[in-house]
N, C-alpha and C. Protein backbone atom coordinates (compact mmCIF):
# COMPACT_ATOMS: atom_id res chain seq x y z
N MET A 1 -44.94 -5.97 -0.15
CA MET A 1 -44.43 -7.20 0.45
C MET A 1 -43.77 -6.88 1.80
N ALA A 2 -44.16 -7.62 2.82
CA ALA A 2 -43.62 -7.37 4.16
C ALA A 2 -42.15 -7.74 4.22
N LEU A 3 -41.39 -6.95 4.98
CA LEU A 3 -39.97 -7.23 5.18
C LEU A 3 -39.74 -8.23 6.33
N LEU A 4 -40.63 -8.16 7.32
CA LEU A 4 -40.52 -9.09 8.47
C LEU A 4 -41.28 -10.37 8.21
N GLU A 5 -40.61 -11.48 8.48
CA GLU A 5 -41.30 -12.78 8.39
C GLU A 5 -42.23 -12.96 9.58
N GLU A 6 -43.25 -13.80 9.40
CA GLU A 6 -44.27 -13.95 10.43
C GLU A 6 -43.67 -14.44 11.75
N LYS A 7 -42.71 -15.34 11.69
CA LYS A 7 -42.11 -15.84 12.93
C LYS A 7 -41.38 -14.71 13.67
N ASP A 8 -40.76 -13.80 12.89
CA ASP A 8 -40.08 -12.66 13.50
C ASP A 8 -41.09 -11.68 14.11
N ARG A 9 -42.20 -11.49 13.44
CA ARG A 9 -43.25 -10.62 13.94
C ARG A 9 -43.76 -11.15 15.28
N GLN A 10 -44.02 -12.42 15.35
CA GLN A 10 -44.57 -13.00 16.58
C GLN A 10 -43.55 -12.91 17.70
N TYR A 11 -42.28 -13.12 17.39
CA TYR A 11 -41.24 -13.01 18.41
C TYR A 11 -41.17 -11.59 18.95
N LEU A 12 -41.22 -10.59 18.08
CA LEU A 12 -41.11 -9.19 18.51
C LEU A 12 -42.36 -8.74 19.27
N ILE A 13 -43.51 -9.23 18.88
CA ILE A 13 -44.73 -8.92 19.64
C ILE A 13 -44.57 -9.35 21.10
N LYS A 14 -44.02 -10.52 21.30
CA LYS A 14 -43.79 -11.02 22.68
C LYS A 14 -42.74 -10.17 23.38
N GLU A 15 -41.67 -9.83 22.66
CA GLU A 15 -40.61 -9.01 23.26
C GLU A 15 -41.13 -7.64 23.67
N PHE A 16 -41.98 -7.05 22.86
CA PHE A 16 -42.49 -5.71 23.13
C PHE A 16 -43.52 -5.67 24.26
N GLU A 17 -43.96 -6.82 24.73
CA GLU A 17 -44.87 -6.84 25.87
C GLU A 17 -44.20 -6.31 27.13
N ALA A 18 -42.84 -6.29 27.12
CA ALA A 18 -42.10 -5.79 28.28
C ALA A 18 -42.01 -4.26 28.32
N LEU A 19 -42.45 -3.60 27.24
CA LEU A 19 -42.37 -2.14 27.20
C LEU A 19 -43.30 -1.50 28.21
N ARG A 20 -42.75 -0.64 29.07
CA ARG A 20 -43.56 0.07 30.04
C ARG A 20 -43.82 1.51 29.62
N ASN A 21 -42.85 2.05 28.88
CA ASN A 21 -42.93 3.45 28.44
C ASN A 21 -43.26 3.52 26.95
N PRO A 22 -43.96 4.57 26.52
CA PRO A 22 -44.21 4.74 25.09
C PRO A 22 -42.94 5.09 24.35
N VAL A 23 -42.78 4.56 23.16
CA VAL A 23 -41.61 4.80 22.33
C VAL A 23 -42.06 5.39 21.01
N LYS A 24 -41.36 6.43 20.55
CA LYS A 24 -41.70 7.05 19.26
C LYS A 24 -40.55 6.87 18.28
N ILE A 25 -40.88 6.39 17.11
CA ILE A 25 -39.92 6.31 16.00
C ILE A 25 -40.18 7.47 15.06
N VAL A 26 -39.13 8.22 14.73
CA VAL A 26 -39.26 9.33 13.77
C VAL A 26 -38.35 9.02 12.58
N VAL A 27 -38.95 9.06 11.39
CA VAL A 27 -38.20 8.73 10.16
C VAL A 27 -38.22 9.94 9.23
N PHE A 28 -37.07 10.23 8.65
CA PHE A 28 -36.97 11.28 7.62
C PHE A 28 -36.67 10.64 6.29
N THR A 29 -37.50 11.00 5.31
CA THR A 29 -37.35 10.50 3.95
C THR A 29 -37.63 11.70 3.04
N GLN A 30 -38.01 11.46 1.78
CA GLN A 30 -38.41 12.55 0.89
C GLN A 30 -39.31 12.03 -0.19
N LYS A 31 -39.97 12.97 -0.90
CA LYS A 31 -40.99 12.58 -1.90
C LYS A 31 -40.40 11.63 -2.91
N PHE A 32 -39.29 12.04 -3.53
CA PHE A 32 -38.58 11.14 -4.47
C PHE A 32 -37.53 10.41 -3.64
N GLU A 33 -37.96 9.28 -3.12
CA GLU A 33 -37.20 8.64 -2.05
C GLU A 33 -35.78 8.25 -2.46
N CYS A 34 -34.86 8.53 -1.54
CA CYS A 34 -33.46 8.22 -1.72
C CYS A 34 -33.27 6.70 -1.72
N GLN A 35 -32.06 6.28 -2.06
CA GLN A 35 -31.75 4.85 -1.99
C GLN A 35 -31.95 4.39 -0.53
N PHE A 36 -32.74 3.36 -0.37
CA PHE A 36 -33.04 2.73 0.93
C PHE A 36 -34.00 3.56 1.81
N CYS A 37 -34.50 4.71 1.32
CA CYS A 37 -35.49 5.46 2.10
C CYS A 37 -36.78 4.69 2.26
N ARG A 38 -37.23 4.11 1.16
CA ARG A 38 -38.51 3.36 1.21
C ARG A 38 -38.40 2.19 2.17
N GLU A 39 -37.29 1.45 2.09
CA GLU A 39 -37.11 0.29 2.96
C GLU A 39 -36.98 0.71 4.43
N THR A 40 -36.31 1.83 4.67
CA THR A 40 -36.16 2.33 6.05
C THR A 40 -37.52 2.69 6.64
N ARG A 41 -38.33 3.39 5.83
CA ARG A 41 -39.68 3.73 6.28
C ARG A 41 -40.51 2.48 6.52
N GLN A 42 -40.39 1.49 5.64
CA GLN A 42 -41.19 0.25 5.78
C GLN A 42 -40.79 -0.51 7.03
N ILE A 43 -39.49 -0.57 7.32
CA ILE A 43 -39.05 -1.22 8.56
C ILE A 43 -39.71 -0.56 9.76
N ALA A 44 -39.70 0.78 9.79
CA ALA A 44 -40.28 1.50 10.92
C ALA A 44 -41.78 1.26 11.01
N GLU A 45 -42.45 1.23 9.86
CA GLU A 45 -43.90 1.00 9.84
C GLU A 45 -44.24 -0.38 10.39
N GLU A 46 -43.48 -1.39 9.95
CA GLU A 46 -43.78 -2.74 10.37
C GLU A 46 -43.48 -2.94 11.87
N VAL A 47 -42.39 -2.36 12.34
CA VAL A 47 -42.05 -2.49 13.76
C VAL A 47 -43.07 -1.75 14.62
N ALA A 48 -43.44 -0.53 14.21
CA ALA A 48 -44.42 0.24 15.00
C ALA A 48 -45.77 -0.44 15.07
N GLY A 49 -46.08 -1.24 14.07
CA GLY A 49 -47.36 -1.94 14.04
C GLY A 49 -47.43 -3.16 14.98
N LEU A 50 -46.35 -3.45 15.67
CA LEU A 50 -46.30 -4.63 16.52
C LEU A 50 -46.65 -4.38 17.98
N SER A 51 -46.78 -3.09 18.35
CA SER A 51 -47.11 -2.78 19.74
C SER A 51 -47.82 -1.45 19.84
N ASP A 52 -48.82 -1.39 20.70
CA ASP A 52 -49.52 -0.13 20.96
C ASP A 52 -48.63 0.88 21.66
N LYS A 53 -47.52 0.42 22.21
CA LYS A 53 -46.57 1.30 22.90
C LYS A 53 -45.66 2.06 21.93
N ILE A 54 -45.66 1.66 20.67
CA ILE A 54 -44.76 2.25 19.69
C ILE A 54 -45.55 3.08 18.67
N SER A 55 -45.16 4.35 18.52
CA SER A 55 -45.79 5.21 17.52
C SER A 55 -44.75 5.60 16.48
N LEU A 56 -45.23 6.13 15.36
CA LEU A 56 -44.36 6.47 14.24
C LEU A 56 -44.74 7.81 13.66
N GLU A 57 -43.73 8.65 13.40
CA GLU A 57 -43.90 9.89 12.65
C GLU A 57 -42.94 9.86 11.48
N VAL A 58 -43.45 10.21 10.30
CA VAL A 58 -42.62 10.25 9.08
C VAL A 58 -42.61 11.68 8.56
N TYR A 59 -41.42 12.20 8.29
CA TYR A 59 -41.28 13.57 7.80
C TYR A 59 -40.55 13.58 6.47
N ASP A 60 -40.88 14.58 5.65
CA ASP A 60 -40.19 14.79 4.40
C ASP A 60 -38.99 15.72 4.64
N PHE A 61 -37.81 15.26 4.24
CA PHE A 61 -36.59 15.99 4.52
C PHE A 61 -36.61 17.41 3.92
N GLU A 62 -37.26 17.55 2.76
CA GLU A 62 -37.31 18.87 2.11
C GLU A 62 -38.48 19.71 2.61
N ASP A 63 -39.66 19.12 2.65
CA ASP A 63 -40.86 19.87 3.03
C ASP A 63 -40.88 20.19 4.54
N ASP A 64 -40.25 19.37 5.34
CA ASP A 64 -40.26 19.55 6.81
C ASP A 64 -38.87 19.95 7.31
N LYS A 65 -38.28 20.94 6.64
CA LYS A 65 -36.92 21.39 6.98
C LYS A 65 -36.81 21.83 8.43
N VAL A 66 -37.85 22.50 8.94
CA VAL A 66 -37.80 23.02 10.30
C VAL A 66 -37.67 21.86 11.28
N VAL A 67 -38.42 20.79 11.05
CA VAL A 67 -38.37 19.61 11.92
C VAL A 67 -37.01 18.93 11.81
N ALA A 68 -36.52 18.83 10.56
CA ALA A 68 -35.20 18.22 10.35
C ALA A 68 -34.10 18.99 11.08
N GLU A 69 -34.18 20.31 11.03
CA GLU A 69 -33.19 21.13 11.73
C GLU A 69 -33.34 20.98 13.24
N GLN A 70 -34.57 20.86 13.70
CA GLN A 70 -34.80 20.68 15.14
C GLN A 70 -34.09 19.44 15.66
N TYR A 71 -34.12 18.37 14.83
CA TYR A 71 -33.49 17.12 15.25
C TYR A 71 -32.03 17.00 14.79
N GLY A 72 -31.55 18.00 14.06
CA GLY A 72 -30.16 17.96 13.59
C GLY A 72 -29.94 16.93 12.50
N ILE A 73 -30.93 16.76 11.64
CA ILE A 73 -30.84 15.77 10.55
C ILE A 73 -30.31 16.46 9.29
N GLU A 74 -29.19 15.97 8.79
CA GLU A 74 -28.56 16.57 7.61
C GLU A 74 -28.46 15.60 6.45
N GLN A 75 -28.81 14.32 6.66
CA GLN A 75 -28.80 13.37 5.54
C GLN A 75 -29.86 12.31 5.82
N ILE A 76 -30.30 11.66 4.77
CA ILE A 76 -31.34 10.65 4.87
C ILE A 76 -30.91 9.39 4.12
N PRO A 77 -31.54 8.26 4.45
CA PRO A 77 -32.60 8.08 5.44
C PRO A 77 -32.08 8.22 6.87
N ALA A 78 -32.93 8.76 7.71
CA ALA A 78 -32.57 8.96 9.12
C ALA A 78 -33.71 8.45 10.00
N THR A 79 -33.34 7.81 11.09
CA THR A 79 -34.31 7.29 12.05
C THR A 79 -33.89 7.71 13.44
N ILE A 80 -34.87 8.18 14.22
CA ILE A 80 -34.64 8.58 15.60
C ILE A 80 -35.54 7.77 16.49
N ILE A 81 -35.02 7.34 17.64
CA ILE A 81 -35.82 6.63 18.62
C ILE A 81 -35.92 7.50 19.84
N LEU A 82 -37.15 7.88 20.23
CA LEU A 82 -37.37 8.76 21.37
C LEU A 82 -38.29 8.12 22.37
N LEU A 83 -38.26 8.69 23.58
CA LEU A 83 -39.32 8.40 24.54
C LEU A 83 -40.57 9.12 24.08
N GLY A 84 -41.69 8.42 23.96
CA GLY A 84 -42.91 9.03 23.48
C GLY A 84 -43.76 9.59 24.62
N GLY A 85 -45.07 9.66 24.37
CA GLY A 85 -45.99 10.16 25.39
C GLY A 85 -46.22 11.65 25.34
N GLU A 86 -46.80 12.18 26.41
CA GLU A 86 -47.14 13.61 26.45
C GLU A 86 -45.89 14.50 26.52
N GLN A 87 -44.83 13.99 27.10
CA GLN A 87 -43.58 14.73 27.18
C GLN A 87 -42.46 13.93 26.54
N PRO A 88 -42.38 13.95 25.21
CA PRO A 88 -41.34 13.18 24.51
C PRO A 88 -39.95 13.64 24.92
N LYS A 89 -39.02 12.70 24.93
CA LYS A 89 -37.62 13.02 25.24
C LYS A 89 -36.71 12.47 24.16
N ASP A 90 -35.89 13.35 23.61
CA ASP A 90 -34.92 12.96 22.60
C ASP A 90 -33.61 12.65 23.28
N TYR A 91 -33.20 11.39 23.25
CA TYR A 91 -31.98 10.98 23.89
C TYR A 91 -30.72 11.17 23.03
N GLY A 92 -30.93 11.63 21.79
CA GLY A 92 -29.80 11.77 20.89
C GLY A 92 -29.41 10.48 20.19
N ILE A 93 -30.36 9.57 20.07
CA ILE A 93 -30.13 8.28 19.41
C ILE A 93 -30.53 8.40 17.95
N ARG A 94 -29.58 8.19 17.05
CA ARG A 94 -29.80 8.39 15.62
C ARG A 94 -29.33 7.18 14.81
N TYR A 95 -30.05 6.94 13.70
CA TYR A 95 -29.60 5.99 12.69
C TYR A 95 -29.55 6.70 11.35
N PHE A 96 -28.40 6.74 10.71
CA PHE A 96 -28.29 7.27 9.37
C PHE A 96 -27.98 6.11 8.44
N GLY A 97 -28.96 5.81 7.58
CA GLY A 97 -28.90 4.62 6.76
C GLY A 97 -29.94 3.62 7.23
N MET A 98 -30.16 2.62 6.43
CA MET A 98 -31.18 1.63 6.75
C MET A 98 -30.72 0.71 7.89
N PRO A 99 -31.49 0.58 8.96
CA PRO A 99 -31.15 -0.32 10.06
C PRO A 99 -31.52 -1.75 9.72
N SER A 100 -30.76 -2.34 8.82
CA SER A 100 -31.08 -3.68 8.33
C SER A 100 -29.94 -4.62 8.66
N GLY A 101 -30.10 -5.88 8.30
CA GLY A 101 -29.08 -6.88 8.61
C GLY A 101 -28.88 -6.95 10.11
N TYR A 102 -27.62 -6.98 10.52
CA TYR A 102 -27.32 -7.06 11.94
C TYR A 102 -27.80 -5.81 12.70
N GLU A 103 -27.87 -4.68 11.99
CA GLU A 103 -28.26 -3.44 12.68
C GLU A 103 -29.76 -3.39 13.05
N PHE A 104 -30.53 -4.31 12.50
CA PHE A 104 -31.93 -4.38 12.92
C PHE A 104 -32.01 -4.74 14.40
N THR A 105 -31.06 -5.54 14.86
CA THR A 105 -31.05 -5.90 16.29
C THR A 105 -30.77 -4.69 17.18
N SER A 106 -29.95 -3.74 16.66
CA SER A 106 -29.69 -2.50 17.41
C SER A 106 -30.97 -1.71 17.57
N LEU A 107 -31.72 -1.61 16.49
CA LEU A 107 -33.00 -0.89 16.51
C LEU A 107 -33.94 -1.47 17.55
N ILE A 108 -34.06 -2.78 17.56
CA ILE A 108 -34.96 -3.44 18.51
C ILE A 108 -34.44 -3.24 19.94
N PHE A 109 -33.12 -3.33 20.14
CA PHE A 109 -32.58 -3.10 21.46
C PHE A 109 -32.92 -1.71 21.96
N ASP A 110 -32.77 -0.69 21.09
CA ASP A 110 -33.05 0.68 21.50
C ASP A 110 -34.51 0.88 21.89
N ILE A 111 -35.40 0.27 21.13
CA ILE A 111 -36.83 0.37 21.46
C ILE A 111 -37.09 -0.25 22.84
N LYS A 112 -36.50 -1.41 23.10
CA LYS A 112 -36.69 -2.06 24.39
C LYS A 112 -36.01 -1.27 25.52
N MET A 113 -34.86 -0.69 25.23
CA MET A 113 -34.15 0.10 26.24
C MET A 113 -34.97 1.31 26.66
N ILE A 114 -35.46 2.06 25.69
CA ILE A 114 -36.27 3.24 26.02
C ILE A 114 -37.61 2.82 26.60
N GLY A 115 -38.17 1.74 26.09
CA GLY A 115 -39.44 1.27 26.57
C GLY A 115 -39.44 0.72 27.98
N THR A 116 -38.25 0.33 28.46
CA THR A 116 -38.12 -0.17 29.83
C THR A 116 -37.43 0.84 30.74
N GLY A 117 -36.76 1.83 30.11
CA GLY A 117 -36.12 2.88 30.89
C GLY A 117 -34.81 2.50 31.53
N GLU A 118 -34.14 1.46 31.03
CA GLU A 118 -32.90 0.97 31.65
C GLU A 118 -31.85 0.74 30.58
N SER A 119 -30.72 1.47 30.73
CA SER A 119 -29.63 1.35 29.76
C SER A 119 -28.78 0.10 29.98
N GLY A 120 -28.72 -0.36 31.22
CA GLY A 120 -27.88 -1.52 31.51
C GLY A 120 -26.42 -1.21 31.73
N LEU A 121 -26.04 0.07 31.76
CA LEU A 121 -24.66 0.46 32.00
C LEU A 121 -24.31 0.29 33.47
N SER A 122 -23.02 0.23 33.76
CA SER A 122 -22.57 0.12 35.14
C SER A 122 -22.85 1.41 35.91
N ALA A 123 -22.89 1.30 37.22
CA ALA A 123 -23.15 2.49 38.06
C ALA A 123 -22.08 3.56 37.85
N ALA A 124 -20.82 3.15 37.68
CA ALA A 124 -19.74 4.11 37.47
C ALA A 124 -19.89 4.87 36.16
N THR A 125 -20.30 4.17 35.11
CA THR A 125 -20.48 4.83 33.80
C THR A 125 -21.70 5.76 33.85
N LYS A 126 -22.74 5.32 34.51
CA LYS A 126 -23.92 6.17 34.65
C LYS A 126 -23.58 7.46 35.40
N GLN A 127 -22.77 7.33 36.45
CA GLN A 127 -22.37 8.48 37.23
C GLN A 127 -21.55 9.46 36.40
N TRP A 128 -20.62 8.92 35.61
CA TRP A 128 -19.80 9.77 34.74
C TRP A 128 -20.69 10.51 33.73
N ALA A 129 -21.63 9.79 33.12
CA ALA A 129 -22.51 10.39 32.14
C ALA A 129 -23.39 11.45 32.79
N ALA A 130 -23.85 11.21 34.00
CA ALA A 130 -24.72 12.16 34.70
C ALA A 130 -23.99 13.46 35.02
N ASN A 131 -22.68 13.37 35.24
CA ASN A 131 -21.88 14.55 35.58
C ASN A 131 -21.28 15.25 34.37
N LEU A 132 -21.48 14.68 33.19
CA LEU A 132 -20.88 15.24 31.97
C LEU A 132 -21.50 16.59 31.65
N LYS A 133 -20.63 17.56 31.32
CA LYS A 133 -21.10 18.91 30.94
C LYS A 133 -20.53 19.36 29.61
N THR A 134 -19.77 18.47 28.96
CA THR A 134 -19.16 18.77 27.66
C THR A 134 -19.89 17.99 26.58
N PRO A 135 -20.32 18.64 25.49
CA PRO A 135 -21.00 17.91 24.41
C PRO A 135 -20.10 16.82 23.81
N VAL A 136 -20.68 15.66 23.61
CA VAL A 136 -19.98 14.53 23.00
C VAL A 136 -20.80 14.01 21.83
N HIS A 137 -20.16 13.89 20.68
CA HIS A 137 -20.83 13.35 19.49
C HIS A 137 -20.10 12.10 19.05
N MET A 138 -20.78 10.97 19.11
CA MET A 138 -20.23 9.71 18.66
C MET A 138 -20.87 9.30 17.33
N GLN A 139 -20.02 8.94 16.38
CA GLN A 139 -20.51 8.37 15.12
C GLN A 139 -19.93 6.98 14.98
N VAL A 140 -20.81 5.99 14.95
CA VAL A 140 -20.39 4.59 14.86
C VAL A 140 -20.62 4.13 13.43
N PHE A 141 -19.56 3.91 12.68
CA PHE A 141 -19.66 3.47 11.30
C PHE A 141 -19.80 1.94 11.24
N VAL A 142 -20.78 1.52 10.45
CA VAL A 142 -21.14 0.10 10.39
C VAL A 142 -21.43 -0.33 8.95
N THR A 143 -21.58 -1.61 8.75
CA THR A 143 -22.20 -2.16 7.55
C THR A 143 -23.20 -3.22 7.99
N PRO A 144 -24.22 -3.49 7.16
CA PRO A 144 -25.27 -4.44 7.58
C PRO A 144 -24.76 -5.87 7.82
N THR A 145 -23.61 -6.21 7.20
CA THR A 145 -23.12 -7.58 7.31
C THR A 145 -22.07 -7.76 8.41
N CYS A 146 -21.86 -6.73 9.22
CA CYS A 146 -20.85 -6.79 10.28
C CYS A 146 -21.47 -7.30 11.57
N PRO A 147 -21.09 -8.50 12.02
CA PRO A 147 -21.72 -9.08 13.22
C PRO A 147 -21.31 -8.41 14.52
N TYR A 148 -20.20 -7.65 14.49
CA TYR A 148 -19.72 -7.00 15.72
C TYR A 148 -20.23 -5.56 15.86
N CYS A 149 -20.77 -5.03 14.78
CA CYS A 149 -21.19 -3.62 14.77
C CYS A 149 -22.31 -3.30 15.76
N PRO A 150 -23.34 -4.15 15.88
CA PRO A 150 -24.41 -3.81 16.82
C PRO A 150 -23.92 -3.58 18.25
N GLN A 151 -22.91 -4.32 18.67
CA GLN A 151 -22.37 -4.13 20.02
C GLN A 151 -21.86 -2.70 20.19
N ALA A 152 -21.17 -2.20 19.18
CA ALA A 152 -20.63 -0.82 19.24
C ALA A 152 -21.75 0.20 19.19
N VAL A 153 -22.73 -0.02 18.33
CA VAL A 153 -23.86 0.91 18.20
C VAL A 153 -24.67 0.96 19.48
N VAL A 154 -24.99 -0.19 20.01
CA VAL A 154 -25.83 -0.27 21.23
C VAL A 154 -25.12 0.39 22.40
N LEU A 155 -23.81 0.18 22.55
CA LEU A 155 -23.08 0.79 23.65
C LEU A 155 -23.10 2.31 23.54
N ALA A 156 -22.92 2.83 22.35
CA ALA A 156 -22.99 4.28 22.13
C ALA A 156 -24.38 4.82 22.46
N HIS A 157 -25.43 4.10 22.04
CA HIS A 157 -26.79 4.53 22.29
C HIS A 157 -27.14 4.43 23.78
N ARG A 158 -26.60 3.44 24.46
CA ARG A 158 -26.83 3.34 25.92
C ARG A 158 -26.26 4.55 26.63
N LEU A 159 -25.09 4.98 26.21
CA LEU A 159 -24.47 6.19 26.80
C LEU A 159 -25.30 7.42 26.48
N ALA A 160 -25.80 7.51 25.25
CA ALA A 160 -26.64 8.67 24.88
C ALA A 160 -27.88 8.74 25.75
N MET A 161 -28.43 7.60 26.12
CA MET A 161 -29.62 7.60 26.96
C MET A 161 -29.33 8.18 28.34
N GLU A 162 -28.07 8.04 28.79
CA GLU A 162 -27.74 8.44 30.15
C GLU A 162 -27.29 9.90 30.28
N SER A 163 -27.13 10.60 29.16
CA SER A 163 -26.65 11.99 29.23
C SER A 163 -27.27 12.86 28.15
N ASP A 164 -27.73 14.03 28.56
CA ASP A 164 -28.27 14.99 27.59
C ASP A 164 -27.15 15.61 26.74
N PHE A 165 -25.90 15.38 27.12
CA PHE A 165 -24.77 15.98 26.41
C PHE A 165 -24.19 15.00 25.36
N ILE A 166 -24.72 13.81 25.29
CA ILE A 166 -24.21 12.82 24.33
C ILE A 166 -25.22 12.56 23.21
N ARG A 167 -24.72 12.66 21.98
CA ARG A 167 -25.47 12.23 20.81
C ARG A 167 -24.72 11.09 20.16
N ALA A 168 -25.40 10.03 19.80
CA ALA A 168 -24.75 8.87 19.21
C ALA A 168 -25.46 8.47 17.92
N ASP A 169 -24.70 8.47 16.83
CA ASP A 169 -25.23 8.14 15.51
C ASP A 169 -24.70 6.81 15.02
N MET A 170 -25.58 5.96 14.51
CA MET A 170 -25.13 4.87 13.68
C MET A 170 -25.06 5.42 12.26
N VAL A 171 -23.93 5.18 11.59
CA VAL A 171 -23.77 5.64 10.21
C VAL A 171 -23.43 4.46 9.34
N GLU A 172 -24.28 4.16 8.37
CA GLU A 172 -24.04 3.04 7.47
C GLU A 172 -23.01 3.49 6.43
N ALA A 173 -21.83 2.92 6.52
CA ALA A 173 -20.66 3.43 5.77
C ALA A 173 -20.86 3.38 4.27
N THR A 174 -21.49 2.34 3.75
CA THR A 174 -21.64 2.23 2.29
C THR A 174 -22.71 3.15 1.75
N GLU A 175 -23.64 3.60 2.60
CA GLU A 175 -24.67 4.54 2.17
C GLU A 175 -24.16 5.98 2.21
N PHE A 176 -23.15 6.23 3.04
CA PHE A 176 -22.61 7.58 3.18
C PHE A 176 -21.09 7.53 2.98
N PRO A 177 -20.64 7.22 1.74
CA PRO A 177 -19.23 7.05 1.48
C PRO A 177 -18.41 8.33 1.73
N HIS A 178 -19.04 9.50 1.57
CA HIS A 178 -18.31 10.75 1.79
C HIS A 178 -17.93 10.88 3.28
N LEU A 179 -18.80 10.40 4.16
CA LEU A 179 -18.49 10.43 5.61
C LEU A 179 -17.43 9.37 5.94
N ALA A 180 -17.57 8.19 5.33
CA ALA A 180 -16.59 7.14 5.55
C ALA A 180 -15.21 7.58 5.11
N MET A 181 -15.15 8.33 3.99
CA MET A 181 -13.87 8.83 3.51
C MET A 181 -13.33 9.92 4.43
N LYS A 182 -14.23 10.82 4.85
CA LYS A 182 -13.82 11.92 5.72
C LYS A 182 -13.16 11.42 7.01
N TYR A 183 -13.72 10.31 7.57
CA TYR A 183 -13.24 9.82 8.85
C TYR A 183 -12.33 8.59 8.70
N ASP A 184 -11.81 8.36 7.47
CA ASP A 184 -10.83 7.29 7.22
C ASP A 184 -11.32 5.92 7.70
N VAL A 185 -12.55 5.62 7.37
CA VAL A 185 -13.13 4.34 7.77
C VAL A 185 -12.61 3.24 6.83
N MET A 186 -11.71 2.42 7.34
CA MET A 186 -11.15 1.31 6.56
C MET A 186 -11.76 -0.03 6.98
N GLY A 187 -12.33 -0.03 8.17
CA GLY A 187 -12.98 -1.25 8.68
C GLY A 187 -14.04 -0.84 9.68
N VAL A 188 -14.97 -1.75 9.95
CA VAL A 188 -16.05 -1.45 10.87
C VAL A 188 -16.14 -2.52 11.95
N PRO A 189 -16.66 -2.16 13.13
CA PRO A 189 -17.12 -0.84 13.51
C PRO A 189 -15.96 0.12 13.81
N ARG A 190 -16.15 1.37 13.49
CA ARG A 190 -15.21 2.43 13.84
C ARG A 190 -16.02 3.55 14.47
N THR A 191 -15.68 3.92 15.72
CA THR A 191 -16.41 4.95 16.43
C THR A 191 -15.56 6.21 16.45
N VAL A 192 -16.15 7.31 15.94
CA VAL A 192 -15.48 8.60 15.93
C VAL A 192 -16.12 9.47 17.01
N ILE A 193 -15.28 10.01 17.89
CA ILE A 193 -15.77 10.82 19.00
C ILE A 193 -15.31 12.26 18.83
N ASN A 194 -16.25 13.18 18.73
CA ASN A 194 -15.94 14.60 18.59
C ASN A 194 -14.89 14.86 17.49
N GLU A 195 -15.07 14.20 16.38
CA GLU A 195 -14.28 14.43 15.17
C GLU A 195 -12.85 13.87 15.20
N ASP A 196 -12.15 14.01 16.32
CA ASP A 196 -10.71 13.72 16.32
C ASP A 196 -10.30 12.45 17.05
N THR A 197 -11.12 11.95 17.94
CA THR A 197 -10.79 10.73 18.68
C THR A 197 -11.54 9.56 18.06
N HIS A 198 -10.87 8.45 17.89
CA HIS A 198 -11.56 7.30 17.31
C HIS A 198 -11.13 6.01 18.02
N ILE A 199 -11.96 5.01 17.84
CA ILE A 199 -11.69 3.70 18.44
C ILE A 199 -12.18 2.62 17.48
N GLU A 200 -11.37 1.58 17.34
CA GLU A 200 -11.69 0.54 16.37
C GLU A 200 -12.32 -0.66 17.10
N GLY A 201 -13.28 -1.27 16.43
CA GLY A 201 -13.83 -2.52 16.92
C GLY A 201 -14.95 -2.34 17.94
N ALA A 202 -15.53 -3.46 18.34
CA ALA A 202 -16.57 -3.47 19.36
C ALA A 202 -15.90 -3.68 20.71
N VAL A 203 -15.65 -2.59 21.39
CA VAL A 203 -14.85 -2.63 22.62
C VAL A 203 -15.74 -2.73 23.84
N PRO A 204 -15.19 -3.16 24.99
CA PRO A 204 -15.96 -3.20 26.24
C PRO A 204 -16.33 -1.79 26.71
N GLU A 205 -17.31 -1.74 27.59
CA GLU A 205 -17.79 -0.46 28.14
C GLU A 205 -16.63 0.33 28.76
N SER A 206 -15.75 -0.32 29.52
CA SER A 206 -14.66 0.39 30.19
C SER A 206 -13.68 1.02 29.20
N THR A 207 -13.43 0.35 28.10
CA THR A 207 -12.52 0.88 27.07
C THR A 207 -13.11 2.10 26.40
N LEU A 208 -14.39 2.02 26.06
CA LEU A 208 -15.02 3.19 25.42
C LEU A 208 -15.09 4.36 26.41
N LEU A 209 -15.38 4.07 27.65
CA LEU A 209 -15.44 5.15 28.65
C LEU A 209 -14.09 5.85 28.77
N ALA A 210 -13.00 5.09 28.74
CA ALA A 210 -11.67 5.70 28.81
C ALA A 210 -11.43 6.60 27.61
N LYS A 211 -11.86 6.19 26.42
CA LYS A 211 -11.72 7.01 25.22
C LYS A 211 -12.58 8.27 25.31
N LEU A 212 -13.77 8.13 25.86
CA LEU A 212 -14.64 9.29 26.00
C LEU A 212 -14.02 10.32 26.96
N LYS A 213 -13.44 9.84 28.03
CA LYS A 213 -12.77 10.72 28.97
C LYS A 213 -11.60 11.43 28.30
N GLN A 214 -10.90 10.70 27.46
CA GLN A 214 -9.77 11.28 26.71
C GLN A 214 -10.27 12.37 25.77
N ALA A 215 -11.37 12.11 25.06
CA ALA A 215 -11.92 13.09 24.13
C ALA A 215 -12.44 14.32 24.86
N VAL A 216 -13.09 14.13 26.00
CA VAL A 216 -13.60 15.25 26.77
C VAL A 216 -12.45 16.11 27.30
N ALA A 217 -11.38 15.46 27.77
CA ALA A 217 -10.20 16.19 28.27
C ALA A 217 -9.57 16.99 27.13
N ALA A 218 -9.49 16.40 25.94
CA ALA A 218 -8.92 17.12 24.79
C ALA A 218 -9.78 18.31 24.41
N GLU A 219 -11.10 18.15 24.49
CA GLU A 219 -12.03 19.22 24.17
C GLU A 219 -11.86 20.37 25.15
N ALA A 220 -11.62 20.06 26.41
CA ALA A 220 -11.48 21.07 27.45
C ALA A 220 -10.21 21.91 27.24
N MET A 221 -9.22 21.34 26.58
CA MET A 221 -7.94 22.04 26.36
C MET A 221 -7.95 22.95 25.13
N LEU A 222 -9.01 22.83 24.31
CA LEU A 222 -9.06 23.67 23.11
C LEU A 222 -9.23 25.12 23.47
N PRO A 223 -8.58 26.04 22.76
CA PRO A 223 -8.75 27.48 23.01
C PRO A 223 -10.16 27.92 22.67
N ARG A 224 -10.75 28.76 23.46
CA ARG A 224 -12.11 29.27 23.25
C ARG A 224 -12.04 30.66 22.61
N ALA A 225 -12.94 30.88 21.68
CA ALA A 225 -12.99 32.19 20.98
C ALA A 225 -13.47 33.27 21.93
């Protein structure tokens, strides 16, 4: 049974006509599929079937350990959105958990963003990201019923597109309760930056940038072995 309704399929087909660049979706699942693995794979299959510009690769988390390690995948279901074509580019955009509910809109945004090659960030933020030399890892904790979560996820993914030093994960809090507990997630969206810096809510670009600068400055002050 299809997950996408026909009216939604037709809408997305029209939206994907704007794609100029090839987009690749990579999904990690396993033979004895985890909770929501099957649905995550089906979402990717249905979306990829809506445009010739979108391709799909599905890997088994156990059998394809080398590929999982290459992409830094440690839990499933996991979805990666990359620039496709002869020279694929991994922007560090990750989804851990099923991109359903409100988060389906984040997935579609990312496909369109990579497919058009434009993050939509301000010139100042792009400049900061281009000059970044310190690794930044953002984890945005969400739930499918949170209407404000996509704004936080999309902003993190837009930043990841602009810098090779930024990785941005959407983490579905109810699917990964051990991570939600580790990072004291009491409400969503909650963005954790480099383990120790966090920000609550769907904040404006300028507010997140200030937090990122704070996290990078803190990282620079850490003693090196």
